[in-house]
């Protein structure tokens, strides 16, 4: 993982995707997320009127979330043989998409070296996979983003992050995550980043399933964040040392105190004895 110039969550996703047989898709998602921005701002109405072609119709992620949408956008561009005009027609930054292509190529080369063999990193079987639910890819994302999970609240589309110091978060308005027939979002999601504006939002989400989350929750319950950080063990040793020294201090302090009381009592008895003799 250290050889990959990516965030730990994306590096772990690629490793898991290689085991699940969806490395090609995971490489595309990692490359798309590595680009600063690939989508242009919305075009004005005056600009739309001047154009003769139909308005942009980008993939919607099949309702599974933003990671799947990024994958579908790149695959559609790949089908056009990386046509620059397709990017312009769909309000995509040409420079950003070319950067994504270069990043993906570099990641493929690194994964080939790590794997020490031939890996399937080609963008093939797109049409077959588009009819599925991207199950393997979403499972790989769940494992990779194990520390960036969120659970939907009961009868509410707000989420609570899972793990150390959980907090209430909302889905970013730009997300393509789809609701069900009752208007509810998926029970569990992974998110790429949290941004704080007027309220905390999750950006770049992907729907996951409970059976994938359950093993992660068991590991999180046993995880000791304070011990891993190194701060707790030092403080515990210091406290234990203080506790061990407490009895000695008590003995040292108690000894002189008892001796002083005995001397005071003896002096009082001598004073009373002299007073009686007078």
C-alpha atoms as a PDB file:
ATOM      1  CA  UNK A   1       0.000   0.000   0.000  1.00  0.00           C
ATOM      2  CA  UNK A   2       2.874   2.375   0.710  1.00  0.00           C
ATOM      3  CA  UNK A   3       3.982   2.170  -2.923  1.00  0.00           C
ATOM      4  CA  UNK A   4       0.692   3.626  -4.152  1.00  0.00           C
ATOM      5  CA  UNK A   5       0.595   7.460  -4.243  1.00  0.00           C
ATOM      6  CA  UNK A   6      -2.956   7.481  -2.906  1.00  0.00           C
ATOM      7  CA  UNK A   7      -4.847   7.955   0.307  1.00  0.00           C
ATOM      8  CA  UNK A   8      -4.814   4.826   2.518  1.00  0.00           C
ATOM      9  CA  UNK A   9      -8.519   4.250   1.895  1.00  0.00           C
ATOM     10  CA  UNK A  10      -8.061   4.186  -1.888  1.00  0.00           C
ATOM     11  CA  UNK A  11      -4.944   2.023  -1.644  1.00  0.00           C
ATOM     12  CA  UNK A  12      -6.806  -0.497   0.511  1.00  0.00           C
ATOM     13  CA  UNK A  13      -9.690  -0.421  -1.975  1.00  0.00           C
ATOM     14  CA  UNK A  14      -7.371  -1.362  -4.844  1.00  0.00           C
ATOM     15  CA  UNK A  15      -5.944  -4.276  -2.862  1.00  0.00           C
ATOM     16  CA  UNK A  16      -9.404  -5.580  -2.047  1.00  0.00           C
ATOM     17  CA  UNK A  17     -10.613  -4.998  -5.619  1.00  0.00           C
ATOM     18  CA  UNK A  18      -7.778  -7.161  -6.904  1.00  0.00           C
ATOM     19  CA  UNK A  19      -9.089  -9.988  -4.713  1.00  0.00           C
ATOM     20  CA  UNK A  20     -12.702  -9.400  -5.802  1.00  0.00           C
ATOM     21  CA  UNK A  21     -11.885  -9.301  -9.515  1.00  0.00           C
ATOM     22  CA  UNK A  22     -12.845  -5.671 -10.125  1.00  0.00           C
ATOM     23  CA  UNK A  23      -9.418  -4.031 -10.165  1.00  0.00           C
ATOM     24  CA  UNK A  24     -10.036  -2.278 -13.481  1.00  0.00           C
ATOM     25  CA  UNK A  25     -13.090  -0.483 -12.122  1.00  0.00           C
ATOM     26  CA  UNK A  26     -11.374   0.409  -8.849  1.00  0.00           C
ATOM     27  CA  UNK A  27      -8.430   1.910 -10.744  1.00  0.00           C
ATOM     28  CA  UNK A  28     -10.813   4.130 -12.667  1.00  0.00           C
ATOM     29  CA  UNK A  29     -12.584   5.292  -9.507  1.00  0.00           C
ATOM     30  CA  UNK A  30      -9.277   6.011  -7.755  1.00  0.00           C
ATOM     31  CA  UNK A  31      -8.039   8.023 -10.731  1.00  0.00           C
ATOM     32  CA  UNK A  32     -11.265  10.030 -10.954  1.00  0.00           C
ATOM     33  CA  UNK A  33     -11.156  10.843  -7.235  1.00  0.00           C
ATOM     34  CA  UNK A  34      -7.504  11.869  -7.494  1.00  0.00           C
ATOM     35  CA  UNK A  35      -8.323  14.639  -9.966  1.00  0.00           C
ATOM     36  CA  UNK A  36      -9.089  17.973  -8.345  1.00  0.00           C
ATOM     37  CA  UNK A  37     -12.193  18.508 -10.457  1.00  0.00           C
ATOM     38  CA  UNK A  38     -13.502  17.016 -13.676  1.00  0.00           C
ATOM     39  CA  UNK A  39     -16.900  18.670 -13.937  1.00  0.00           C
ATOM     40  CA  UNK A  40     -17.362  22.204 -15.157  1.00  0.00           C
ATOM     41  CA  UNK A  41     -19.831  24.626 -13.533  1.00  0.00           C
ATOM     42  CA  UNK A  42     -23.354  24.606 -14.897  1.00  0.00           C
ATOM     43  CA  UNK A  43     -23.786  26.403 -18.179  1.00  0.00           C
ATOM     44  CA  UNK A  44     -25.963  29.480 -18.406  1.00  0.00           C
ATOM     45  CA  UNK A  45     -29.214  29.548 -20.373  1.00  0.00           C
ATOM     46  CA  UNK A  46     -27.757  31.916 -22.955  1.00  0.00           C
ATOM     47  CA  UNK A  47     -24.920  29.491 -23.619  1.00  0.00           C
ATOM     48  CA  UNK A  48     -27.362  26.607 -23.974  1.00  0.00           C
ATOM     49  CA  UNK A  49     -29.371  28.483 -26.580  1.00  0.00           C
ATOM     50  CA  UNK A  50     -26.272  29.090 -28.693  1.00  0.00           C
ATOM     51  CA  UNK A  51     -25.407  25.384 -28.770  1.00  0.00           C
ATOM     52  CA  UNK A  52     -27.078  23.207 -31.381  1.00  0.00           C
ATOM     53  CA  UNK A  53     -26.481  19.845 -29.712  1.00  0.00           C
ATOM     54  CA  UNK A  54     -28.695  18.245 -27.081  1.00  0.00           C
ATOM     55  CA  UNK A  55     -28.109  19.024 -23.391  1.00  0.00           C
ATOM     56  CA  UNK A  56     -25.637  16.940 -21.405  1.00  0.00           C
ATOM     57  CA  UNK A  57     -26.828  13.490 -20.327  1.00  0.00           C
ATOM     58  CA  UNK A  58     -24.170  12.060 -18.057  1.00  0.00           C
ATOM     59  CA  UNK A  59     -24.655   8.683 -16.306  1.00  0.00           C
ATOM     60  CA  UNK A  60     -26.455   8.807 -12.982  1.00  0.00           C
ATOM     61  CA  UNK A  61     -24.509   6.065 -11.215  1.00  0.00           C
ATOM     62  CA  UNK A  62     -27.434   3.622 -11.516  1.00  0.00           C
ATOM     63  CA  UNK A  63     -28.613   4.935  -8.156  1.00  0.00           C
ATOM     64  CA  UNK A  64     -25.653   3.415  -6.278  1.00  0.00           C
ATOM     65  CA  UNK A  65     -23.803   6.660  -5.692  1.00  0.00           C
ATOM     66  CA  UNK A  66     -21.082   9.001  -6.858  1.00  0.00           C
ATOM     67  CA  UNK A  67     -18.273   6.440  -7.122  1.00  0.00           C
ATOM     68  CA  UNK A  68     -20.310   4.470  -9.647  1.00  0.00           C
ATOM     69  CA  UNK A  69     -21.161   7.637 -11.571  1.00  0.00           C
ATOM     70  CA  UNK A  70     -17.471   8.542 -11.861  1.00  0.00           C
ATOM     71  CA  UNK A  71     -16.773   5.043 -13.156  1.00  0.00           C
ATOM     72  CA  UNK A  72     -19.562   5.258 -15.732  1.00  0.00           C
ATOM     73  CA  UNK A  73     -18.426   8.682 -16.943  1.00  0.00           C
ATOM     74  CA  UNK A  74     -14.912   7.417 -17.641  1.00  0.00           C
ATOM     75  CA  UNK A  75     -16.215   4.261 -19.312  1.00  0.00           C
ATOM     76  CA  UNK A  76     -18.461   6.307 -21.607  1.00  0.00           C
ATOM     77  CA  UNK A  77     -15.476   8.461 -22.515  1.00  0.00           C
ATOM     78  CA  UNK A  78     -13.431   5.322 -23.172  1.00  0.00           C
ATOM     79  CA  UNK A  79     -16.104   4.085 -25.578  1.00  0.00           C
ATOM     80  CA  UNK A  80     -15.664   7.269 -27.635  1.00  0.00           C
ATOM     81  CA  UNK A  81     -11.915   6.555 -27.876  1.00  0.00           C
ATOM     82  CA  UNK A  82     -11.220   9.475 -25.525  1.00  0.00           C
ATOM     83  CA  UNK A  83     -12.862  12.047 -27.764  1.00  0.00           C
ATOM     84  CA  UNK A  84     -12.242  15.608 -26.554  1.00  0.00           C
ATOM     85  CA  UNK A  85     -15.474  16.852 -28.108  1.00  0.00           C
ATOM     86  CA  UNK A  86     -17.448  14.394 -25.987  1.00  0.00           C
ATOM     87  CA  UNK A  87     -15.997  16.030 -22.866  1.00  0.00           C
ATOM     88  CA  UNK A  88     -16.928  19.488 -24.102  1.00  0.00           C
ATOM     89  CA  UNK A  89     -20.436  18.411 -25.056  1.00  0.00           C
ATOM     90  CA  UNK A  90     -20.992  16.986 -21.574  1.00  0.00           C
ATOM     91  CA  UNK A  91     -19.497  19.927 -19.643  1.00  0.00           C
ATOM     92  CA  UNK A  92     -16.393  17.999 -18.604  1.00  0.00           C
ATOM     93  CA  UNK A  93     -12.994  19.613 -18.290  1.00  0.00           C
ATOM     94  CA  UNK A  94     -10.793  18.212 -21.030  1.00  0.00           C
ATOM     95  CA  UNK A  95      -7.638  18.914 -19.056  1.00  0.00           C
ATOM     96  CA  UNK A  96      -9.052  17.217 -15.974  1.00  0.00           C
ATOM     97  CA  UNK A  97     -10.142  14.114 -17.881  1.00  0.00           C
ATOM     98  CA  UNK A  98      -6.748  13.807 -19.573  1.00  0.00           C
ATOM     99  CA  UNK A  99      -5.157  14.050 -16.137  1.00  0.00           C
ATOM    100  CA  UNK A 100      -7.407  11.213 -14.942  1.00  0.00           C
ATOM    101  CA  UNK A 101      -6.304   9.103 -17.901  1.00  0.00           C
ATOM    102  CA  UNK A 102      -2.625   9.644 -17.047  1.00  0.00           C
ATOM    103  CA  UNK A 103      -3.177   8.893 -13.355  1.00  0.00           C
ATOM    104  CA  UNK A 104      -4.978   5.673 -14.182  1.00  0.00           C
ATOM    105  CA  UNK A 105      -2.134   4.597 -16.461  1.00  0.00           C
ATOM    106  CA  UNK A 106       0.418   5.215 -13.707  1.00  0.00           C
ATOM    107  CA  UNK A 107      -1.661   3.316 -11.155  1.00  0.00           C
ATOM    108  CA  UNK A 108      -1.924   0.386 -13.556  1.00  0.00           C
ATOM    109  CA  UNK A 109       1.856   0.244 -13.875  1.00  0.00           C
ATOM    110  CA  UNK A 110       2.333   0.359 -10.103  1.00  0.00           C
ATOM    111  CA  UNK A 111      -0.237  -2.383  -9.528  1.00  0.00           C
ATOM    112  CA  UNK A 112       1.495  -4.544 -12.138  1.00  0.00           C
ATOM    113  CA  UNK A 113       4.746  -4.238 -10.176  1.00  0.00           C
ATOM    114  CA  UNK A 114       3.083  -4.924  -6.838  1.00  0.00           C
ATOM    115  CA  UNK A 115       1.164  -7.899  -8.199  1.00  0.00           C
ATOM    116  CA  UNK A 116       4.310  -9.405  -9.752  1.00  0.00           C
ATOM    117  CA  UNK A 117       2.300 -10.739 -12.646  1.00  0.00           C
ATOM    118  CA  UNK A 118      -0.317  -9.914 -15.239  1.00  0.00           C
ATOM    119  CA  UNK A 119      -3.366  -8.168 -13.811  1.00  0.00           C
ATOM    120  CA  UNK A 120      -6.592  -7.366 -15.617  1.00  0.00           C
ATOM    121  CA  UNK A 121      -6.493  -3.566 -15.633  1.00  0.00           C
ATOM    122  CA  UNK A 122      -8.217  -3.010 -18.971  1.00  0.00           C
ATOM    123  CA  UNK A 123     -11.524  -1.191 -19.205  1.00  0.00           C
ATOM    124  CA  UNK A 124     -13.333  -4.129 -20.769  1.00  0.00           C
ATOM    125  CA  UNK A 125     -16.701  -5.813 -20.245  1.00  0.00           C
ATOM    126  CA  UNK A 126     -18.282  -2.444 -19.573  1.00  0.00           C
ATOM    127  CA  UNK A 127     -21.681  -3.290 -20.997  1.00  0.00           C
ATOM    128  CA  UNK A 128     -21.962  -6.526 -19.026  1.00  0.00           C
ATOM    129  CA  UNK A 129     -21.021  -4.849 -15.775  1.00  0.00           C
ATOM    130  CA  UNK A 130     -23.380  -1.928 -16.388  1.00  0.00           C
ATOM    131  CA  UNK A 131     -26.311  -4.344 -16.119  1.00  0.00           C
ATOM    132  CA  UNK A 132     -25.179  -5.542 -12.697  1.00  0.00           C
ATOM    133  CA  UNK A 133     -25.290  -3.831  -9.342  1.00  0.00           C
ATOM    134  CA  UNK A 134     -21.502  -3.261  -9.148  1.00  0.00           C
ATOM    135  CA  UNK A 135     -21.526  -5.544  -6.133  1.00  0.00           C
ATOM    136  CA  UNK A 136     -17.824  -6.418  -6.141  1.00  0.00           C
ATOM    137  CA  UNK A 137     -16.733  -2.816  -6.530  1.00  0.00           C
ATOM    138  CA  UNK A 138     -19.030  -1.589  -3.766  1.00  0.00           C
ATOM    139  CA  UNK A 139     -17.776  -4.342  -1.475  1.00  0.00           C
ATOM    140  CA  UNK A 140     -14.170  -3.344  -2.178  1.00  0.00           C
ATOM    141  CA  UNK A 141     -15.045   0.277  -1.383  1.00  0.00           C
ATOM    142  CA  UNK A 142     -16.635  -0.836   1.885  1.00  0.00           C
ATOM    143  CA  UNK A 143     -13.430  -2.579   2.956  1.00  0.00           C
ATOM    144  CA  UNK A 144     -11.212   0.271   1.792  1.00  0.00           C
ATOM    145  CA  UNK A 145     -13.289   2.968   3.480  1.00  0.00           C
ATOM    146  CA  UNK A 146     -13.782   0.977   6.693  1.00  0.00           C
ATOM    147  CA  UNK A 147     -13.063   4.088   8.766  1.00  0.00           C
ATOM    148  CA  UNK A 148     -15.436   6.237   6.702  1.00  0.00           C
ATOM    149  CA  UNK A 149     -18.790   4.516   7.112  1.00  0.00           C
ATOM    150  CA  UNK A 150     -22.117   6.103   7.968  1.00  0.00           C
ATOM    151  CA  UNK A 151     -25.454   4.650   9.062  1.00  0.00           C
ATOM    152  CA  UNK A 152     -28.774   6.246   8.216  1.00  0.00           C
ATOM    153  CA  UNK A 153     -30.950   7.302  11.124  1.00  0.00           C
ATOM    154  CA  UNK A 154     -34.359   5.698  11.659  1.00  0.00           C
ATOM    155  CA  UNK A 155     -37.106   7.288   9.530  1.00  0.00           C
ATOM    156  CA  UNK A 156     -34.735  10.077   8.572  1.00  0.00           C
ATOM    157  CA  UNK A 157     -32.295  10.707   5.724  1.00  0.00           C
ATOM    158  CA  UNK A 158     -29.651  12.040   8.072  1.00  0.00           C
ATOM    159  CA  UNK A 159     -26.621   9.875   8.825  1.00  0.00           C
ATOM    160  CA  UNK A 160     -24.365   9.168  11.775  1.00  0.00           C
ATOM    161  CA  UNK A 161     -20.738   8.263  11.150  1.00  0.00           C
ATOM    162  CA  UNK A 162     -19.556   4.917  12.504  1.00  0.00           C
ATOM    163  CA  UNK A 163     -16.418   4.629  14.573  1.00  0.00           C
ATOM    164  CA  UNK A 164     -14.457   6.864  16.921  1.00  0.00           C
ATOM    165  CA  UNK A 165     -16.268  10.111  17.840  1.00  0.00           C
ATOM    166  CA  UNK A 166     -19.329   9.665  15.615  1.00  0.00           C
ATOM    167  CA  UNK A 167     -21.186  12.754  14.427  1.00  0.00           C
ATOM    168  CA  UNK A 168     -24.367  13.653  12.585  1.00  0.00           C
ATOM    169  CA  UNK A 169     -23.841  14.373   8.883  1.00  0.00           C
ATOM    170  CA  UNK A 170     -25.912  15.052   5.782  1.00  0.00           C
ATOM    171  CA  UNK A 171     -25.655  13.918   2.168  1.00  0.00           C
ATOM    172  CA  UNK A 172     -24.207  16.617  -0.075  1.00  0.00           C
ATOM    173  CA  UNK A 173     -26.826  18.076  -2.464  1.00  0.00           C
ATOM    174  CA  UNK A 174     -24.636  17.249  -5.478  1.00  0.00           C
ATOM    175  CA  UNK A 175     -24.743  13.508  -4.739  1.00  0.00           C
ATOM    176  CA  UNK A 176     -26.520  11.184  -7.192  1.00  0.00           C
ATOM    177  CA  UNK A 177     -27.416   8.699  -4.450  1.00  0.00           C
ATOM    178  CA  UNK A 178     -30.961   7.520  -5.154  1.00  0.00           C
ATOM    179  CA  UNK A 179     -33.810   7.089  -2.669  1.00  0.00           C
ATOM    180  CA  UNK A 180     -36.190   4.124  -2.568  1.00  0.00           C
ATOM    181  CA  UNK A 181     -39.954   4.122  -3.131  1.00  0.00           C
ATOM    182  CA  UNK A 182     -40.521   5.532   0.353  1.00  0.00           C
ATOM    183  CA  UNK A 183     -38.074   8.357  -0.227  1.00  0.00           C
ATOM    184  CA  UNK A 184     -35.397   6.894   2.055  1.00  0.00           C
ATOM    185  CA  UNK A 185     -31.690   6.721   1.266  1.00  0.00           C
ATOM    186  CA  UNK A 186     -29.624   3.501   1.713  1.00  0.00           C
ATOM    187  CA  UNK A 187     -29.104   2.292   5.270  1.00  0.00           C
ATOM    188  CA  UNK A 188     -25.306   2.308   4.980  1.00  0.00           C
ATOM    189  CA  UNK A 189     -22.913   4.327   2.827  1.00  0.00           C
ATOM    190  CA  UNK A 190     -19.205   5.013   2.506  1.00  0.00           C
ATOM    191  CA  UNK A 191     -18.006   8.561   1.928  1.00  0.00           C
ATOM    192  CA  UNK A 192     -14.799   9.897   0.441  1.00  0.00           C
ATOM    193  CA  UNK A 193     -14.615  13.109   2.446  1.00  0.00           C
ATOM    194  CA  UNK A 194     -16.436  15.309   4.944  1.00  0.00           C
ATOM    195  CA  UNK A 195     -16.827  19.013   4.303  1.00  0.00           C
ATOM    196  CA  UNK A 196     -18.067  21.567   6.823  1.00  0.00           C
ATOM    197  CA  UNK A 197     -20.133  24.526   5.646  1.00  0.00           C
ATOM    198  CA  UNK A 198     -23.287  25.494   7.498  1.00  0.00           C
ATOM    199  CA  UNK A 199     -23.468  21.804   8.471  1.00  0.00           C
ATOM    200  CA  UNK A 200     -21.228  18.752   7.904  1.00  0.00           C
ATOM    201  CA  UNK A 201     -21.775  17.104   4.515  1.00  0.00           C
ATOM    202  CA  UNK A 202     -20.561  13.820   3.047  1.00  0.00           C
ATOM    203  CA  UNK A 203     -19.219  14.031  -0.504  1.00  0.00           C
ATOM    204  CA  UNK A 204     -18.747  11.197  -3.002  1.00  0.00           C
ATOM    205  CA  UNK A 205     -20.957   8.510  -1.498  1.00  0.00           C
ATOM    206  CA  UNK A 206     -21.574   4.894  -2.399  1.00  0.00           C
ATOM    207  CA  UNK A 207     -24.294   2.585  -1.112  1.00  0.00           C
ATOM    208  CA  UNK A 208     -23.148  -0.576   0.681  1.00  0.00           C
ATOM    209  CA  UNK A 209     -24.886  -3.512   2.355  1.00  0.00           C
ATOM    210  CA  UNK A 210     -25.228  -4.572   5.975  1.00  0.00           C
ATOM    211  CA  UNK A 211     -23.507  -8.006   5.596  1.00  0.00           C
ATOM    212  CA  UNK A 212     -20.342  -6.180   4.503  1.00  0.00           C
ATOM    213  CA  UNK A 213     -20.503  -3.746   7.416  1.00  0.00           C
ATOM    214  CA  UNK A 214     -21.076  -6.313  10.197  1.00  0.00           C
ATOM    215  CA  UNK A 215     -17.500  -7.745  10.208  1.00  0.00           C
ATOM    216  CA  UNK A 216     -16.079  -4.230  10.216  1.00  0.00           C
ATOM    217  CA  UNK A 217     -18.219  -3.235  13.201  1.00  0.00           C
ATOM    218  CA  UNK A 218     -16.874  -6.190  15.189  1.00  0.00           C
ATOM    219  CA  UNK A 219     -13.312  -5.056  14.509  1.00  0.00           C
ATOM    220  CA  UNK A 220     -14.130  -1.459  15.425  1.00  0.00           C
ATOM    221  CA  UNK A 221     -15.569  -2.579  18.761  1.00  0.00           C
ATOM    222  CA  UNK A 222     -12.266  -4.248  19.658  1.00  0.00           C
ATOM    223  CA  UNK A 223     -10.191  -1.334  18.372  1.00  0.00           C
ATOM    224  CA  UNK A 224      -8.537   0.831  21.023  1.00  0.00           C
ATOM    225  CA  UNK A 225      -7.901   4.189  19.375  1.00  0.00           C
ATOM    226  CA  UNK A 226      -6.160   5.653  22.431  1.00  0.00           C
ATOM    227  CA  UNK A 227      -3.790   2.723  22.667  1.00  0.00           C
ATOM    228  CA  UNK A 228      -2.937   2.933  18.964  1.00  0.00           C
ATOM    229  CA  UNK A 229      -2.229   6.656  19.266  1.00  0.00           C
ATOM    230  CA  UNK A 230       0.375   5.970  21.953  1.00  0.00           C
ATOM    231  CA  UNK A 231      -0.936   8.567  24.379  1.00  0.00           C
ATOM    232  CA  UNK A 232      -2.960   6.276  26.604  1.00  0.00           C
ATOM    233  CA  UNK A 233      -0.231   3.746  27.355  1.00  0.00           C
ATOM    234  CA  UNK A 234       2.148   6.470  28.566  1.00  0.00           C
ATOM    235  CA  UNK A 235      -0.475   8.055  30.786  1.00  0.00           C
ATOM    236  CA  UNK A 236      -1.480   4.667  32.209  1.00  0.00           C
ATOM    237  CA  UNK A 237       2.133   3.888  33.088  1.00  0.00           C
ATOM    238  CA  UNK A 238       2.447   7.280  34.757  1.00  0.00           C
ATOM    239  CA  UNK A 239      -0.735   6.725  36.758  1.00  0.00           C
ATOM    240  CA  UNK A 240       0.354   3.232  37.765  1.00  0.00           C
ATOM    241  CA  UNK A 241       3.695   4.646  38.900  1.00  0.00           C
ATOM    242  CA  UNK A 242       1.948   7.248  40.986  1.00  0.00           C
ATOM    243  CA  UNK A 243      -0.281   4.599  42.525  1.00  0.00           C
ATOM    244  CA  UNK A 244       2.744   2.505  43.415  1.00  0.00           C
ATOM    245  CA  UNK A 245       4.401   5.477  45.076  1.00  0.00           C
ATOM    246  CA  UNK A 246       1.349   6.454  47.083  1.00  0.00           C
ATOM    247  CA  UNK A 247       1.775   3.861  49.883  1.00  0.00           C
ATOM    248  CA  UNK A 248       5.412   4.888  50.377  1.00  0.00           C
ATOM    249  CA  UNK A 249       4.427   8.518  50.666  1.00  0.00           C
ATOM    250  CA  UNK A 250       1.726   7.613  53.150  1.00  0.00           C
ATOM    251  CA  UNK A 251       4.216   5.694  55.277  1.00  0.00           C
ATOM    252  CA  UNK A 252       6.774   8.471  55.148  1.00  0.00           C
ATOM    253  CA  UNK A 253       4.240  11.097  56.073  1.00  0.00           C
ATOM    254  CA  UNK A 254       2.519   8.979  58.701  1.00  0.00           C
ATOM    255  CA  UNK A 255       5.769   8.197  60.553  1.00  0.00           C
ATOM    256  CA  UNK A 256       6.761  11.778  61.468  1.00  0.00           C
ATOM    257  CA  UNK A 257       3.167  12.681  62.291  1.00  0.00           C
ATOM    258  CA  UNK A 258       2.775   9.863  64.833  1.00  0.00           C
ATOM    259  CA  UNK A 259       6.147  10.709  66.438  1.00  0.00           C
ATOM    260  CA  UNK A 260       5.185  14.354  66.843  1.00  0.00           C
ATOM    261  CA  UNK A 261       1.867  13.471  68.465  1.00  0.00           C
ATOM    262  CA  UNK A 262       3.609  11.214  70.954  1.00  0.00           C
ATOM    263  CA  UNK A 263       6.062  13.966  71.905  1.00  0.00           C
ATOM    264  CA  UNK A 264       3.220  16.441  72.396  1.00  0.00           C
ATOM    265  CA  UNK A 265       1.376  13.960  74.605  1.00  0.00           C
ATOM    266  CA  UNK A 266       4.510  13.299  76.682  1.00  0.00           C
ATOM    267  CA  UNK A 267       5.114  17.030  77.173  1.00  0.00           C
ATOM    268  CA  UNK A 268       1.519  17.493  78.322  1.00  0.00           C
ATOM    269  CA  UNK A 269       1.845  14.712  80.878  1.00  0.00           C
ATOM    270  CA  UNK A 270       5.058  16.234  82.276  1.00  0.00           C
ATOM    271  CA  UNK A 271       3.374  19.628  82.549  1.00  0.00           C
ATOM    272  CA  UNK A 272       0.427  18.169  84.467  1.00  0.00           C
ATOM    273  CA  UNK A 273       2.776  16.258  86.771  1.00  0.00           C
ATOM    274  CA  UNK A 274       4.755  19.416  87.679  1.00  0.00           C
ATOM    275  CA  UNK A 275       1.516  21.284  88.272  1.00  0.00           C
ATOM    276  CA  UNK A 276       0.299  18.674  90.756  1.00  0.00           C
ATOM    277  CA  UNK A 277       3.618  18.735  92.652  1.00  0.00           C
ATOM    278  CA  UNK A 278       3.256  22.471  93.230  1.00  0.00           C
END
